[in-house]
Amino acid sequence: MSELTPAISKNSKILALFAVACTATVALVQLLTEDRIEFQSQQQLIQQLNQVIQKDSHDNEMFRDCIIAPTGNDTELLIDVIYRARLNNMPTAAAIKTVAPDGYSGNIELLIALNIDGSVSGVRTLLHKETPGLGDKIELRKSDWITTFAGKKVLDKNDNRWAVKKDGGMFDQFTGATITPRAVVKTVRKTIDYFQANQKVIFNAASNCGVEQ
């Protein structure tokens, strides 16, 4: 029995060292994977922001210059994050991640970019579950419909043009699918109203999201 004790002790130490090595390897792989995923997410975000806000309209890193949406005058808006564009430290535009909650199949996640004068710089659909071949025309790869917002403004609070044509507005609906574009138009309009009413708060607030510097 006494002869076996040193061997058992040695094997236990080897197993312990092996376990430590395995744990360290797993932790390292996880860390590297998380870093890669974070980098890929950051690059995707930058690409999305560059699609809706012109590169020559800002000289800051918008993905760092962002805030969790402050409470505005419209509690129905489901705004997540606001990315701010500045040129020579002067505000030029903002890209607002928000949700149209009344799509045909539920939430439609949108990125809505607005110039400082309230005009639309661009809109992109980030995520949705709308019907393929019908409501999915809100995707840029399916249709250019989402680009029709660019350059448009809300003239005043009674501007009834911000609706689909079926409702007397200026935006096309889709054949066999009116609910989806109606939901997007409604949310873009409400986001413009929110932005115009809260510009000072939006651009003066300290960054509290995004990548740490």
N, C-alpha and C. Protein backbone atom coordinates (compact mmCIF):
# COMPACT_ATOMS: atom_id res chain seq x y z
N MET A 1 0.83 -1.21 0.00
CA MET A 1 0.00 0.00 0.00
C MET A 1 0.86 1.25 0.00
N SER A 2 1.95 1.17 0.81
CA SER A 2 2.84 2.33 0.91
C SER A 2 3.54 2.62 -0.40
N GLU A 3 3.78 1.56 -1.23
CA GLU A 3 4.44 1.77 -2.52
C GLU A 3 3.49 2.45 -3.52
N LEU A 4 2.18 2.24 -3.32
CA LEU A 4 1.22 2.83 -4.25
C LEU A 4 0.96 4.31 -3.97
N THR A 5 1.19 4.72 -2.72
CA THR A 5 0.86 6.10 -2.32
C THR A 5 1.59 7.15 -3.16
N PRO A 6 2.92 7.03 -3.37
CA PRO A 6 3.61 8.05 -4.20
C PRO A 6 3.08 8.09 -5.63
N ALA A 7 2.74 6.90 -6.18
CA ALA A 7 2.24 6.85 -7.55
C ALA A 7 0.88 7.53 -7.66
N ILE A 8 0.02 7.25 -6.65
CA ILE A 8 -1.30 7.88 -6.64
C ILE A 8 -1.18 9.39 -6.52
N SER A 9 -0.28 9.83 -5.64
CA SER A 9 -0.06 11.26 -5.44
C SER A 9 0.45 11.92 -6.71
N LYS A 10 1.36 11.23 -7.40
CA LYS A 10 1.91 11.77 -8.64
C LYS A 10 0.83 11.90 -9.71
N ASN A 11 0.01 10.83 -9.83
CA ASN A 11 -1.07 10.85 -10.82
C ASN A 11 -2.09 11.95 -10.52
N SER A 12 -2.36 12.16 -9.23
CA SER A 12 -3.30 13.20 -8.83
C SER A 12 -2.79 14.57 -9.23
N LYS A 13 -1.50 14.79 -9.04
CA LYS A 13 -0.90 16.07 -9.42
C LYS A 13 -0.97 16.28 -10.93
N ILE A 14 -0.71 15.18 -11.67
CA ILE A 14 -0.76 15.27 -13.13
C ILE A 14 -2.18 15.62 -13.60
N LEU A 15 -3.17 14.94 -12.99
CA LEU A 15 -4.56 15.21 -13.34
C LEU A 15 -4.96 16.64 -13.00
N ALA A 16 -4.47 17.10 -11.85
CA ALA A 16 -4.78 18.47 -11.43
C ALA A 16 -4.19 19.48 -12.40
N LEU A 17 -2.93 19.25 -12.79
CA LEU A 17 -2.29 20.15 -13.75
C LEU A 17 -3.00 20.12 -15.10
N PHE A 18 -3.43 18.91 -15.49
CA PHE A 18 -4.15 18.76 -16.76
C PHE A 18 -5.47 19.53 -16.72
N ALA A 19 -6.15 19.43 -15.59
CA ALA A 19 -7.43 20.14 -15.43
C ALA A 19 -7.23 21.65 -15.49
N VAL A 20 -6.17 22.13 -14.84
CA VAL A 20 -5.86 23.56 -14.87
C VAL A 20 -5.55 24.02 -16.29
N ALA A 21 -4.76 23.20 -17.01
CA ALA A 21 -4.40 23.54 -18.38
C ALA A 21 -5.63 23.58 -19.28
N CYS A 22 -6.52 22.61 -19.10
CA CYS A 22 -7.75 22.57 -19.91
C CYS A 22 -8.63 23.79 -19.62
N THR A 23 -8.75 24.13 -18.34
CA THR A 23 -9.56 25.29 -17.95
C THR A 23 -9.00 26.57 -18.55
N ALA A 24 -7.67 26.70 -18.49
CA ALA A 24 -7.02 27.88 -19.04
C ALA A 24 -7.22 27.97 -20.55
N THR A 25 -7.13 26.81 -21.22
CA THR A 25 -7.31 26.78 -22.67
C THR A 25 -8.72 27.19 -23.07
N VAL A 26 -9.71 26.63 -22.35
CA VAL A 26 -11.11 26.96 -22.62
C VAL A 26 -11.36 28.45 -22.40
N ALA A 27 -10.80 28.99 -21.31
CA ALA A 27 -10.98 30.41 -21.00
C ALA A 27 -10.36 31.29 -22.08
N LEU A 28 -9.18 30.88 -22.57
CA LEU A 28 -8.50 31.65 -23.60
C LEU A 28 -9.28 31.63 -24.91
N VAL A 29 -9.76 30.45 -25.28
CA VAL A 29 -10.56 30.32 -26.51
C VAL A 29 -11.82 31.16 -26.41
N GLN A 30 -12.48 31.12 -25.25
CA GLN A 30 -13.69 31.91 -25.04
C GLN A 30 -13.41 33.40 -25.16
N LEU A 31 -12.29 33.82 -24.57
CA LEU A 31 -11.91 35.23 -24.62
C LEU A 31 -11.65 35.68 -26.05
N LEU A 32 -10.91 34.85 -26.79
CA LEU A 32 -10.60 35.19 -28.18
C LEU A 32 -11.86 35.21 -29.04
N THR A 33 -12.76 34.26 -28.77
CA THR A 33 -14.03 34.20 -29.52
C THR A 33 -14.88 35.42 -29.23
N GLU A 34 -14.97 35.81 -27.96
CA GLU A 34 -15.75 36.99 -27.59
C GLU A 34 -15.19 38.24 -28.25
N ASP A 35 -13.86 38.35 -28.28
CA ASP A 35 -13.23 39.51 -28.92
C ASP A 35 -13.56 39.55 -30.41
N ARG A 36 -13.52 38.38 -31.05
CA ARG A 36 -13.80 38.33 -32.48
C ARG A 36 -15.26 38.68 -32.77
N ILE A 37 -16.17 38.15 -31.95
CA ILE A 37 -17.59 38.44 -32.12
C ILE A 37 -17.85 39.93 -31.91
N GLU A 38 -17.22 40.51 -30.88
CA GLU A 38 -17.38 41.93 -30.61
C GLU A 38 -16.86 42.77 -31.77
N PHE A 39 -15.71 42.37 -32.33
CA PHE A 39 -15.14 43.10 -33.46
C PHE A 39 -16.06 43.01 -34.67
N GLN A 40 -16.59 41.82 -34.95
CA GLN A 40 -17.48 41.65 -36.09
C GLN A 40 -18.77 42.46 -35.92
N SER A 41 -19.29 42.48 -34.69
CA SER A 41 -20.50 43.27 -34.42
C SER A 41 -20.23 44.76 -34.61
N GLN A 42 -19.03 45.18 -34.19
CA GLN A 42 -18.65 46.58 -34.33
C GLN A 42 -18.54 46.96 -35.81
N GLN A 43 -17.94 46.09 -36.60
CA GLN A 43 -17.79 46.36 -38.03
C GLN A 43 -19.14 46.39 -38.74
N GLN A 44 -20.05 45.51 -38.32
CA GLN A 44 -21.39 45.51 -38.90
C GLN A 44 -22.13 46.79 -38.56
N LEU A 45 -21.98 47.25 -37.32
CA LEU A 45 -22.61 48.50 -36.90
C LEU A 45 -22.07 49.68 -37.69
N ILE A 46 -20.76 49.75 -37.85
CA ILE A 46 -20.14 50.83 -38.62
C ILE A 46 -20.67 50.83 -40.05
N GLN A 47 -20.78 49.65 -40.64
CA GLN A 47 -21.30 49.54 -42.00
C GLN A 47 -22.74 50.04 -42.08
N GLN A 48 -23.55 49.67 -41.10
CA GLN A 48 -24.95 50.11 -41.09
C GLN A 48 -25.04 51.63 -40.94
N LEU A 49 -24.23 52.19 -40.06
CA LEU A 49 -24.25 53.64 -39.86
C LEU A 49 -23.82 54.38 -41.12
N ASN A 50 -22.82 53.83 -41.80
CA ASN A 50 -22.34 54.47 -43.03
C ASN A 50 -23.35 54.38 -44.17
N GLN A 51 -24.28 53.44 -44.08
CA GLN A 51 -25.32 53.33 -45.10
C GLN A 51 -26.37 54.43 -44.96
N VAL A 52 -26.58 54.90 -43.73
CA VAL A 52 -27.66 55.86 -43.51
C VAL A 52 -27.18 57.29 -43.26
N ILE A 53 -25.90 57.45 -42.96
CA ILE A 53 -25.34 58.79 -42.75
C ILE A 53 -24.10 58.96 -43.63
N GLN A 54 -24.09 59.99 -44.43
CA GLN A 54 -22.98 60.21 -45.37
C GLN A 54 -21.66 60.41 -44.62
N LYS A 55 -20.62 59.80 -45.15
CA LYS A 55 -19.32 59.85 -44.49
C LYS A 55 -18.78 61.27 -44.38
N ASP A 56 -19.07 62.11 -45.38
CA ASP A 56 -18.52 63.47 -45.35
C ASP A 56 -19.31 64.41 -44.44
N SER A 57 -20.34 63.88 -43.78
CA SER A 57 -21.12 64.73 -42.87
C SER A 57 -20.68 64.60 -41.42
N HIS A 58 -19.65 63.80 -41.17
CA HIS A 58 -19.17 63.66 -39.79
C HIS A 58 -17.69 63.28 -39.80
N ASP A 59 -17.02 63.61 -38.71
CA ASP A 59 -15.62 63.22 -38.54
C ASP A 59 -15.39 62.52 -37.20
N ASN A 60 -16.45 62.15 -36.53
CA ASN A 60 -16.33 61.42 -35.26
C ASN A 60 -16.65 59.94 -35.48
N GLU A 61 -16.32 59.13 -34.47
CA GLU A 61 -16.65 57.71 -34.52
C GLU A 61 -18.04 57.53 -33.91
N MET A 62 -19.02 57.42 -34.77
CA MET A 62 -20.41 57.39 -34.29
C MET A 62 -20.69 56.21 -33.38
N PHE A 63 -20.03 55.08 -33.63
CA PHE A 63 -20.32 53.91 -32.82
C PHE A 63 -19.84 54.08 -31.38
N ARG A 64 -18.96 55.06 -31.15
CA ARG A 64 -18.54 55.39 -29.79
C ARG A 64 -19.36 56.54 -29.21
N ASP A 65 -19.79 57.44 -30.08
CA ASP A 65 -20.53 58.64 -29.64
C ASP A 65 -22.02 58.32 -29.63
N CYS A 66 -22.46 57.62 -28.59
CA CYS A 66 -23.85 57.17 -28.56
C CYS A 66 -24.40 57.20 -27.15
N ILE A 67 -25.72 57.21 -27.08
CA ILE A 67 -26.38 57.26 -25.77
C ILE A 67 -27.57 56.30 -25.76
N ILE A 68 -27.85 55.78 -24.57
CA ILE A 68 -29.11 55.10 -24.36
C ILE A 68 -30.18 56.17 -24.43
N ALA A 69 -31.23 55.92 -25.17
CA ALA A 69 -32.22 56.95 -25.44
C ALA A 69 -32.80 57.55 -24.16
N PRO A 70 -32.71 58.88 -24.02
CA PRO A 70 -33.35 59.54 -22.88
C PRO A 70 -34.86 59.53 -23.04
N THR A 71 -35.56 59.65 -21.95
CA THR A 71 -37.02 59.68 -22.00
C THR A 71 -37.47 60.92 -22.76
N GLY A 72 -38.32 60.71 -23.74
CA GLY A 72 -38.79 61.83 -24.55
C GLY A 72 -40.24 62.15 -24.28
N ASN A 73 -40.83 62.91 -25.17
CA ASN A 73 -42.22 63.31 -24.98
C ASN A 73 -43.19 62.31 -25.59
N ASP A 74 -42.68 61.21 -26.10
CA ASP A 74 -43.55 60.19 -26.69
C ASP A 74 -43.15 58.84 -26.12
N THR A 75 -43.83 58.42 -25.09
CA THR A 75 -43.47 57.17 -24.41
C THR A 75 -43.82 55.94 -25.23
N GLU A 76 -44.55 56.10 -26.32
CA GLU A 76 -44.90 54.95 -27.16
C GLU A 76 -43.72 54.51 -28.02
N LEU A 77 -42.75 55.37 -28.21
CA LEU A 77 -41.60 55.03 -29.04
C LEU A 77 -40.68 54.06 -28.30
N LEU A 78 -40.27 53.01 -29.00
CA LEU A 78 -39.39 52.01 -28.41
C LEU A 78 -37.97 52.25 -28.91
N ILE A 79 -37.37 53.34 -28.49
CA ILE A 79 -36.03 53.70 -28.93
C ILE A 79 -35.00 53.01 -28.04
N ASP A 80 -33.97 52.47 -28.67
CA ASP A 80 -32.92 51.76 -27.95
C ASP A 80 -31.69 52.65 -27.77
N VAL A 81 -30.96 52.86 -28.85
CA VAL A 81 -29.70 53.61 -28.81
C VAL A 81 -29.73 54.70 -29.87
N ILE A 82 -29.07 55.81 -29.57
CA ILE A 82 -28.94 56.91 -30.52
C ILE A 82 -27.46 57.14 -30.79
N TYR A 83 -27.06 57.04 -32.05
CA TYR A 83 -25.68 57.29 -32.47
C TYR A 83 -25.61 58.69 -33.07
N ARG A 84 -24.64 59.47 -32.62
CA ARG A 84 -24.59 60.89 -32.99
C ARG A 84 -23.45 61.19 -33.97
N ALA A 85 -23.76 61.95 -35.00
CA ALA A 85 -22.77 62.37 -35.99
C ALA A 85 -22.41 63.83 -35.75
N ARG A 86 -21.11 64.12 -35.78
CA ARG A 86 -20.64 65.49 -35.58
C ARG A 86 -19.54 65.80 -36.60
N LEU A 87 -19.49 67.06 -36.99
CA LEU A 87 -18.44 67.54 -37.88
C LEU A 87 -17.83 68.78 -37.23
N ASN A 88 -16.53 68.71 -36.96
CA ASN A 88 -15.87 69.79 -36.22
C ASN A 88 -16.58 70.08 -34.89
N ASN A 89 -16.99 68.99 -34.24
CA ASN A 89 -17.68 69.03 -32.93
C ASN A 89 -19.09 69.62 -32.98
N MET A 90 -19.59 69.87 -34.18
CA MET A 90 -20.95 70.39 -34.32
C MET A 90 -21.88 69.26 -34.75
N PRO A 91 -23.05 69.13 -34.11
CA PRO A 91 -24.00 68.07 -34.46
C PRO A 91 -24.47 68.20 -35.91
N THR A 92 -24.49 67.08 -36.61
CA THR A 92 -24.96 67.09 -37.99
C THR A 92 -26.11 66.10 -38.23
N ALA A 93 -26.12 65.01 -37.48
CA ALA A 93 -27.15 63.99 -37.70
C ALA A 93 -27.16 63.01 -36.54
N ALA A 94 -28.17 62.17 -36.52
CA ALA A 94 -28.25 61.10 -35.52
C ALA A 94 -28.90 59.88 -36.15
N ALA A 95 -28.39 58.71 -35.78
CA ALA A 95 -28.98 57.45 -36.23
C ALA A 95 -29.63 56.79 -35.01
N ILE A 96 -30.90 56.54 -35.12
CA ILE A 96 -31.69 56.08 -33.98
C ILE A 96 -32.15 54.64 -34.20
N LYS A 97 -31.76 53.75 -33.30
CA LYS A 97 -32.23 52.37 -33.35
C LYS A 97 -33.56 52.30 -32.60
N THR A 98 -34.57 51.88 -33.30
CA THR A 98 -35.90 51.84 -32.69
C THR A 98 -36.68 50.65 -33.22
N VAL A 99 -37.91 50.52 -32.76
CA VAL A 99 -38.73 49.37 -33.12
C VAL A 99 -40.12 49.84 -33.54
N ALA A 100 -40.58 49.31 -34.67
CA ALA A 100 -41.99 49.46 -35.05
C ALA A 100 -42.70 48.24 -34.48
N PRO A 101 -43.52 48.42 -33.45
CA PRO A 101 -44.10 47.26 -32.75
C PRO A 101 -45.30 46.64 -33.43
N ASP A 102 -45.81 47.29 -34.46
CA ASP A 102 -47.08 46.87 -35.05
C ASP A 102 -46.94 46.33 -36.47
N GLY A 103 -45.83 45.62 -36.72
CA GLY A 103 -45.70 44.93 -38.00
C GLY A 103 -46.70 43.78 -38.08
N TYR A 104 -46.87 43.23 -39.25
CA TYR A 104 -47.82 42.13 -39.44
C TYR A 104 -47.44 40.93 -38.57
N SER A 105 -46.14 40.70 -38.42
CA SER A 105 -45.66 39.55 -37.64
C SER A 105 -44.90 39.98 -36.39
N GLY A 106 -45.19 41.18 -35.91
CA GLY A 106 -44.54 41.62 -34.67
C GLY A 106 -43.57 42.76 -34.89
N ASN A 107 -42.56 42.81 -34.04
CA ASN A 107 -41.60 43.91 -34.04
C ASN A 107 -40.78 43.97 -35.32
N ILE A 108 -40.54 45.21 -35.77
CA ILE A 108 -39.62 45.48 -36.88
C ILE A 108 -38.55 46.42 -36.35
N GLU A 109 -37.32 45.95 -36.29
CA GLU A 109 -36.22 46.78 -35.79
C GLU A 109 -35.68 47.65 -36.92
N LEU A 110 -35.55 48.94 -36.63
CA LEU A 110 -35.15 49.91 -37.66
C LEU A 110 -33.98 50.76 -37.20
N LEU A 111 -33.19 51.23 -38.16
CA LEU A 111 -32.17 52.24 -37.93
C LEU A 111 -32.59 53.45 -38.75
N ILE A 112 -32.96 54.53 -38.05
CA ILE A 112 -33.50 55.72 -38.70
C ILE A 112 -32.52 56.88 -38.49
N ALA A 113 -31.94 57.38 -39.57
CA ALA A 113 -30.97 58.46 -39.49
C ALA A 113 -31.61 59.77 -39.92
N LEU A 114 -31.42 60.79 -39.08
CA LEU A 114 -32.03 62.10 -39.33
C LEU A 114 -30.98 63.19 -39.31
N ASN A 115 -31.06 64.09 -40.28
CA ASN A 115 -30.16 65.24 -40.31
C ASN A 115 -30.60 66.27 -39.27
N ILE A 116 -29.71 67.19 -38.97
CA ILE A 116 -29.98 68.18 -37.93
C ILE A 116 -31.20 69.04 -38.26
N ASP A 117 -31.53 69.17 -39.55
CA ASP A 117 -32.70 69.96 -39.93
C ASP A 117 -34.00 69.15 -39.89
N GLY A 118 -33.91 67.90 -39.45
CA GLY A 118 -35.09 67.07 -39.33
C GLY A 118 -35.40 66.22 -40.55
N SER A 119 -34.66 66.42 -41.63
CA SER A 119 -34.88 65.60 -42.82
C SER A 119 -34.29 64.21 -42.62
N VAL A 120 -34.83 63.25 -43.34
CA VAL A 120 -34.36 61.87 -43.22
C VAL A 120 -33.08 61.68 -44.04
N SER A 121 -32.06 61.18 -43.38
CA SER A 121 -30.82 60.86 -44.08
C SER A 121 -30.89 59.46 -44.68
N GLY A 122 -31.50 58.55 -43.95
CA GLY A 122 -31.65 57.19 -44.46
C GLY A 122 -32.34 56.31 -43.43
N VAL A 123 -32.92 55.22 -43.91
CA VAL A 123 -33.58 54.24 -43.04
C VAL A 123 -33.18 52.84 -43.50
N ARG A 124 -32.93 51.96 -42.56
CA ARG A 124 -32.65 50.57 -42.88
C ARG A 124 -33.40 49.66 -41.90
N THR A 125 -33.83 48.52 -42.42
CA THR A 125 -34.46 47.51 -41.59
C THR A 125 -33.37 46.59 -41.05
N LEU A 126 -33.32 46.43 -39.73
CA LEU A 126 -32.29 45.61 -39.10
C LEU A 126 -32.76 44.18 -38.86
N LEU A 127 -34.02 44.03 -38.44
CA LEU A 127 -34.52 42.70 -38.10
C LEU A 127 -36.05 42.70 -38.19
N HIS A 128 -36.61 41.63 -38.73
CA HIS A 128 -38.07 41.53 -38.82
C HIS A 128 -38.47 40.08 -39.04
N LYS A 129 -39.77 39.81 -38.95
CA LYS A 129 -40.31 38.48 -39.20
C LYS A 129 -41.50 38.57 -40.17
N GLU A 130 -41.47 39.58 -41.03
CA GLU A 130 -42.58 39.79 -41.95
C GLU A 130 -42.63 38.69 -43.02
N THR A 131 -43.77 38.57 -43.66
CA THR A 131 -44.03 37.48 -44.60
C THR A 131 -43.11 37.54 -45.82
N PRO A 132 -42.36 36.46 -46.09
CA PRO A 132 -41.51 36.43 -47.28
C PRO A 132 -42.32 36.65 -48.55
N GLY A 133 -41.79 37.48 -49.44
CA GLY A 133 -42.47 37.76 -50.69
C GLY A 133 -43.52 38.84 -50.61
N LEU A 134 -43.85 39.27 -49.39
CA LEU A 134 -44.84 40.33 -49.20
C LEU A 134 -44.25 41.44 -48.34
N GLY A 135 -44.31 41.25 -47.02
CA GLY A 135 -43.83 42.28 -46.11
C GLY A 135 -42.33 42.44 -46.07
N ASP A 136 -41.59 41.44 -46.57
CA ASP A 136 -40.13 41.54 -46.50
C ASP A 136 -39.55 42.54 -47.50
N LYS A 137 -40.41 43.22 -48.24
CA LYS A 137 -39.92 44.27 -49.15
C LYS A 137 -39.38 45.48 -48.39
N ILE A 138 -39.48 45.47 -47.08
CA ILE A 138 -38.85 46.52 -46.28
C ILE A 138 -37.34 46.32 -46.20
N GLU A 139 -36.86 45.17 -46.66
CA GLU A 139 -35.42 44.91 -46.72
C GLU A 139 -34.85 45.53 -47.99
N LEU A 140 -33.68 46.14 -47.88
CA LEU A 140 -33.05 46.75 -49.04
C LEU A 140 -32.72 45.72 -50.10
N ARG A 141 -32.35 44.52 -49.69
CA ARG A 141 -31.97 43.50 -50.68
C ARG A 141 -33.18 42.94 -51.43
N LYS A 142 -34.38 43.24 -50.93
CA LYS A 142 -35.61 42.78 -51.58
C LYS A 142 -36.25 43.88 -52.43
N SER A 143 -36.08 45.12 -52.01
CA SER A 143 -36.74 46.25 -52.68
C SER A 143 -36.05 47.54 -52.28
N ASP A 144 -36.17 48.57 -53.11
CA ASP A 144 -35.60 49.87 -52.76
C ASP A 144 -36.62 50.75 -52.02
N TRP A 145 -37.74 50.17 -51.60
CA TRP A 145 -38.79 50.94 -50.93
C TRP A 145 -38.26 51.69 -49.72
N ILE A 146 -37.40 51.07 -48.94
CA ILE A 146 -36.91 51.68 -47.70
C ILE A 146 -36.10 52.94 -47.99
N THR A 147 -35.59 53.09 -49.21
CA THR A 147 -34.78 54.26 -49.56
C THR A 147 -35.65 55.49 -49.88
N THR A 148 -36.96 55.29 -50.02
CA THR A 148 -37.83 56.41 -50.40
C THR A 148 -38.00 57.44 -49.28
N PHE A 149 -37.55 57.11 -48.07
CA PHE A 149 -37.64 58.06 -46.96
C PHE A 149 -36.58 59.16 -47.06
N ALA A 150 -35.45 58.85 -47.69
CA ALA A 150 -34.32 59.77 -47.73
C ALA A 150 -34.71 61.13 -48.30
N GLY A 151 -34.34 62.19 -47.59
CA GLY A 151 -34.59 63.54 -48.04
C GLY A 151 -35.93 64.12 -47.64
N LYS A 152 -36.81 63.29 -47.12
CA LYS A 152 -38.15 63.78 -46.77
C LYS A 152 -38.17 64.38 -45.37
N LYS A 153 -39.08 65.34 -45.17
CA LYS A 153 -39.23 66.03 -43.89
C LYS A 153 -40.70 66.05 -43.47
N VAL A 154 -40.91 66.26 -42.19
CA VAL A 154 -42.25 66.53 -41.68
C VAL A 154 -42.42 68.04 -41.70
N LEU A 155 -43.39 68.52 -42.45
CA LEU A 155 -43.56 69.97 -42.61
C LEU A 155 -44.11 70.62 -41.35
N ASP A 156 -45.08 69.99 -40.73
CA ASP A 156 -45.66 70.48 -39.48
C ASP A 156 -46.41 69.34 -38.82
N LYS A 157 -46.98 69.59 -37.66
CA LYS A 157 -47.64 68.51 -36.91
C LYS A 157 -48.88 67.98 -37.61
N ASN A 158 -49.39 68.73 -38.58
CA ASN A 158 -50.57 68.30 -39.33
C ASN A 158 -50.21 67.74 -40.71
N ASP A 159 -48.94 67.40 -40.90
CA ASP A 159 -48.50 66.88 -42.19
C ASP A 159 -49.05 65.46 -42.40
N ASN A 160 -50.11 65.36 -43.16
CA ASN A 160 -50.78 64.08 -43.38
C ASN A 160 -50.15 63.22 -44.47
N ARG A 161 -49.08 63.71 -45.07
CA ARG A 161 -48.42 62.94 -46.13
C ARG A 161 -47.72 61.71 -45.59
N TRP A 162 -47.44 61.70 -44.28
CA TRP A 162 -46.69 60.61 -43.68
C TRP A 162 -47.61 59.42 -43.38
N ALA A 163 -48.00 58.77 -44.46
CA ALA A 163 -48.85 57.58 -44.41
C ALA A 163 -48.70 56.87 -45.75
N VAL A 164 -49.16 55.64 -45.82
CA VAL A 164 -49.15 54.94 -47.11
C VAL A 164 -50.26 55.53 -47.99
N LYS A 165 -50.13 55.34 -49.28
CA LYS A 165 -51.08 55.95 -50.22
C LYS A 165 -52.52 55.48 -49.99
N LYS A 166 -52.66 54.26 -49.53
CA LYS A 166 -54.00 53.74 -49.24
C LYS A 166 -54.69 54.56 -48.15
N ASP A 167 -53.87 55.17 -47.28
CA ASP A 167 -54.40 56.01 -46.20
C ASP A 167 -54.33 57.49 -46.54
N GLY A 168 -54.04 57.80 -47.81
CA GLY A 168 -53.98 59.19 -48.24
C GLY A 168 -52.62 59.82 -48.15
N GLY A 169 -51.58 59.02 -47.92
CA GLY A 169 -50.23 59.54 -47.77
C GLY A 169 -49.40 59.45 -49.04
N MET A 170 -48.07 59.61 -48.89
CA MET A 170 -47.19 59.67 -50.05
C MET A 170 -46.33 58.42 -50.25
N PHE A 171 -46.47 57.43 -49.37
CA PHE A 171 -45.62 56.24 -49.46
C PHE A 171 -46.40 55.05 -50.03
N ASP A 172 -45.75 54.34 -50.94
CA ASP A 172 -46.37 53.16 -51.54
C ASP A 172 -46.57 52.08 -50.48
N GLN A 173 -47.68 51.35 -50.60
CA GLN A 173 -47.82 50.13 -49.84
C GLN A 173 -47.42 48.97 -50.75
N PHE A 174 -47.35 47.77 -50.20
CA PHE A 174 -46.97 46.61 -51.00
C PHE A 174 -48.23 45.87 -51.44
N THR A 175 -48.17 45.26 -52.60
CA THR A 175 -49.30 44.46 -53.06
C THR A 175 -49.53 43.30 -52.10
N GLY A 176 -50.70 43.27 -51.51
CA GLY A 176 -51.02 42.20 -50.57
C GLY A 176 -50.45 42.40 -49.18
N ALA A 177 -49.82 43.55 -48.95
CA ALA A 177 -49.22 43.78 -47.62
C ALA A 177 -49.20 45.28 -47.34
N THR A 178 -50.17 45.73 -46.60
CA THR A 178 -50.25 47.15 -46.23
C THR A 178 -49.81 47.40 -44.80
N ILE A 179 -50.03 46.42 -43.93
CA ILE A 179 -49.73 46.59 -42.51
C ILE A 179 -48.25 46.87 -42.28
N THR A 180 -47.39 46.14 -42.98
CA THR A 180 -45.94 46.28 -42.78
C THR A 180 -45.44 47.68 -43.12
N PRO A 181 -45.65 48.18 -44.34
CA PRO A 181 -45.17 49.53 -44.66
C PRO A 181 -45.85 50.60 -43.81
N ARG A 182 -47.11 50.39 -43.46
CA ARG A 182 -47.81 51.34 -42.61
C ARG A 182 -47.11 51.46 -41.25
N ALA A 183 -46.69 50.33 -40.71
CA ALA A 183 -46.00 50.33 -39.41
C ALA A 183 -44.67 51.07 -39.49
N VAL A 184 -43.93 50.85 -40.58
CA VAL A 184 -42.63 51.50 -40.74
C VAL A 184 -42.80 53.01 -40.90
N VAL A 185 -43.72 53.42 -41.76
CA VAL A 185 -43.96 54.85 -41.98
C VAL A 185 -44.35 55.53 -40.68
N LYS A 186 -45.22 54.91 -39.93
CA LYS A 186 -45.68 55.47 -38.66
C LYS A 186 -44.52 55.67 -37.69
N THR A 187 -43.63 54.69 -37.61
CA THR A 187 -42.51 54.78 -36.67
C THR A 187 -41.48 55.81 -37.13
N VAL A 188 -41.22 55.89 -38.43
CA VAL A 188 -40.29 56.91 -38.93
C VAL A 188 -40.83 58.30 -38.60
N ARG A 189 -42.10 58.52 -38.85
CA ARG A 189 -42.72 59.82 -38.56
C ARG A 189 -42.59 60.15 -37.06
N LYS A 190 -42.92 59.21 -36.20
CA LYS A 190 -42.87 59.46 -34.76
C LYS A 190 -41.43 59.69 -34.29
N THR A 191 -40.48 59.01 -34.94
CA THR A 191 -39.07 59.20 -34.58
C THR A 191 -38.60 60.59 -34.96
N ILE A 192 -39.05 61.09 -36.11
CA ILE A 192 -38.72 62.47 -36.51
C ILE A 192 -39.26 63.46 -35.48
N ASP A 193 -40.50 63.27 -35.07
CA ASP A 193 -41.10 64.16 -34.08
C ASP A 193 -40.31 64.14 -32.77
N TYR A 194 -39.91 62.94 -32.36
CA TYR A 194 -39.12 62.78 -31.14
C TYR A 194 -37.78 63.50 -31.26
N PHE A 195 -37.12 63.31 -32.39
CA PHE A 195 -35.80 63.91 -32.62
C PHE A 195 -35.87 65.42 -32.59
N GLN A 196 -36.85 65.98 -33.27
CA GLN A 196 -36.96 67.43 -33.32
C GLN A 196 -37.28 68.03 -31.95
N ALA A 197 -38.00 67.29 -31.13
CA ALA A 197 -38.37 67.80 -29.80
C ALA A 197 -37.28 67.61 -28.76
N ASN A 198 -36.28 66.75 -29.07
CA ASN A 198 -35.28 66.41 -28.05
C ASN A 198 -33.84 66.57 -28.51
N GLN A 199 -33.61 67.36 -29.56
CA GLN A 199 -32.25 67.49 -30.09
C GLN A 199 -31.24 67.95 -29.05
N LYS A 200 -31.60 68.94 -28.26
CA LYS A 200 -30.66 69.48 -27.28
C LYS A 200 -30.22 68.41 -26.30
N VAL A 201 -31.17 67.65 -25.79
CA VAL A 201 -30.86 66.58 -24.85
C VAL A 201 -30.02 65.50 -25.52
N ILE A 202 -30.40 65.13 -26.73
CA ILE A 202 -29.71 64.07 -27.46
C ILE A 202 -28.24 64.39 -27.69
N PHE A 203 -27.94 65.61 -28.12
CA PHE A 203 -26.55 65.93 -28.48
C PHE A 203 -25.71 66.42 -27.30
N ASN A 204 -26.35 66.86 -26.23
CA ASN A 204 -25.59 67.34 -25.07
C ASN A 204 -25.28 66.25 -24.05
N ALA A 205 -26.00 65.15 -24.11
CA ALA A 205 -25.80 64.08 -23.13
C ALA A 205 -24.44 63.41 -23.33
N ALA A 206 -23.82 63.02 -22.23
CA ALA A 206 -22.54 62.31 -22.29
C ALA A 206 -22.75 60.91 -22.85
N SER A 207 -21.78 60.43 -23.62
CA SER A 207 -21.87 59.08 -24.17
C SER A 207 -21.96 58.07 -23.03
N ASN A 208 -22.88 57.13 -23.16
CA ASN A 208 -23.03 56.13 -22.10
C ASN A 208 -23.26 54.73 -22.66
N CYS A 209 -22.81 54.52 -23.89
CA CYS A 209 -22.92 53.18 -24.46
C CYS A 209 -21.79 53.01 -25.47
N GLY A 210 -21.80 51.88 -26.18
CA GLY A 210 -20.80 51.67 -27.20
C GLY A 210 -19.49 51.15 -26.64
N VAL A 211 -18.42 51.31 -27.41
CA VAL A 211 -17.12 50.77 -27.07
C VAL A 211 -16.39 51.71 -26.13
N GLU A 212 -15.82 51.15 -25.08
CA GLU A 212 -15.05 51.97 -24.14
C GLU A 212 -13.75 52.41 -24.79
N GLN A 213 -13.38 53.65 -24.54
CA GLN A 213 -12.16 54.18 -25.13
C GLN A 213 -10.98 53.98 -24.19
